[in-house]
Amino acid sequence: MNPIAVRAKSRLHCTIVFNKRAAEQSCLALLQSCDNLPKLTQNTLVHMYGSSKGGIECARKVFDEMSERDSVSWSSMIGGYARFGLSTDAIDLFRKMQMSGVCPDEITMVSVLSACTDLGALDVGKWIESFIEKQRVNKSVELRNALIDMFAKCGDVDRALKLFRNMSGRTIVSWTSVIDGLAMHGRGLEAVALFEEMVGAGVAPDDVVFIGLLSACSHSGLVDKGKEYFDLMKRDFGVVPKIEHYGCMVDMLCRAGLVKEAFEFVQKMPIQANAIIWRTVISACCAHGELKLGERITKWLIGNDPMHESNYVLLSNIYAKMFHWEKKTKIREVMDKRGMKKIPGSTMIELDNEIYEFVAGDKSHNQYKEIYEMLDEMGRKMKKAGHVPTTSEVLLDIDEEDKEDALNRHSEKLAIAFALLKTPPGTPIRIVKNLRVCSDCHSATKFISKVYNREIVVRDRNRFHHFKNGFCSCRDFW
């Protein structure tokens, strides 16, 4: 046997840690004799490299060099893409797998569904469900759970509930997926009822279930319920609260506007708060006018972690709220000097099984002129219907007209304009935002749903918003 193959085979049961450069060098050496390696070894290499983000390119190189691929080869590569958030690549490769004539198994389908969940690609997810039925793919418990999770997180929580109700042999993952889905949709009371049903069925809740339950209370403003469940976690079920549970409690208090209570809660926590919890408090300070407190916490965070760009963005936003433009400018200068960049807001939309992505002020689309004409039309119709732009959301020292223009170019509005152009009247619109939806876009989308008679479903970083007839399912609590 080729000596490289021998070395590769000897590593099959080893845990390998490598940097990207070492991975590439090793990969190139293996590619030189890839055709001489047994298929089992080639598949193992794809899986091995695909298990590390630094090795995903090497996995694809090995995969592409294979003269013959079986379902394991395809599944390993698709799974690698899905594992590290390269969801578009995972779905594209699945389509190529179909064209190759290789039949996928349930492991492949779980990975593809995971990619759909990440992208919010409901139509592709629905098609995959039909494909599973048509091809009679074995519906393992893991595959059923993946379907439930996909529907819940892609905006069709009622379909997720139906699958859950028709499922035999439910696991704790099944219950958790539905509770999480209800939480994301702001259906907190239903999540609480399902949790009680789970306990009544004799299923012992674990720490992950309680994260979903507390999140449901947070998104629905069920502060008293949330406090009650947090207390009984350890008392009744022996679940010791972790940092994630404390984070849910802080988030719940902050969303309810109880900023000072949240701050005191963090100070009394028996474990040290992480930066995410502190940023949650800072964001609440900014939203509820506790700017001095927010400034103090943010400066402390920067002192402890001077290289995290989010801390500077938060302080910059606070100074903008305080109209301290010079201080805001200095913060931005520090960020530029240190090579830090704010994560741009982006919105994805799925149309005809294709994923389109927009960023604020985007002109990269080949139909951008028509999209911007639609934006102008939307603006005129919304104003006529009574919409007043929330210019306070624009944290820039510019005049009101320019602020309105900046708001009108937000990524979610671009995606909605594109959908209005490309879809038949009256059909639902579904978009996915990578950040929390701003108050102006939230208000504008309510008007758009009424003016254009469209149901609009928005999944932002934290939850779902269902807009219909000028109202949102979150009841303006998000």
Foldseek 3Di string as FASTA:
>chain_A
DPPLLVVLVVCLPPQDDDALVVLVVNLVVCLVCLAVHDPVSLLSNLLNLLVDPSSLVSSVSSLVSYPDDAQSSLLSNLLSCLVVLVLVVSLVSVVVCVVVVHDHALSSLLSNLSSCLSALVVVVLVVSVVVCVVVVHDCDLSSLLSSLLSCLSSPNLVVSVVSLVPDPPHDLSSLQSSLLSCLQALVLVVSVVSVVVCVVVVHQDAQSSLLSNLSSCQLNLVLVVNVVCVVVCCVPRNHDDDLSSLLSNLSSCLLNLVLVVSVVSQVPDPDHHDPVSLVSSLVSCLVNVVLVVSLVSLVVVCVVPVLDVVSLVSNLSSCLLVVVNVVSVVSVVVCVVSVHDDDFKKKWFADPNDIDMFTFPDPPDPCSVQLVVLLVVLVVLLVVVPQDAPLSVPSDPDDPVVSVVSVSRGNVNSQVSVCVVPDDQQEETEMEIAADDDPRVVQSVLSVCQSRVYWYWYRYNRHIWTHHNSDTSSRPRD
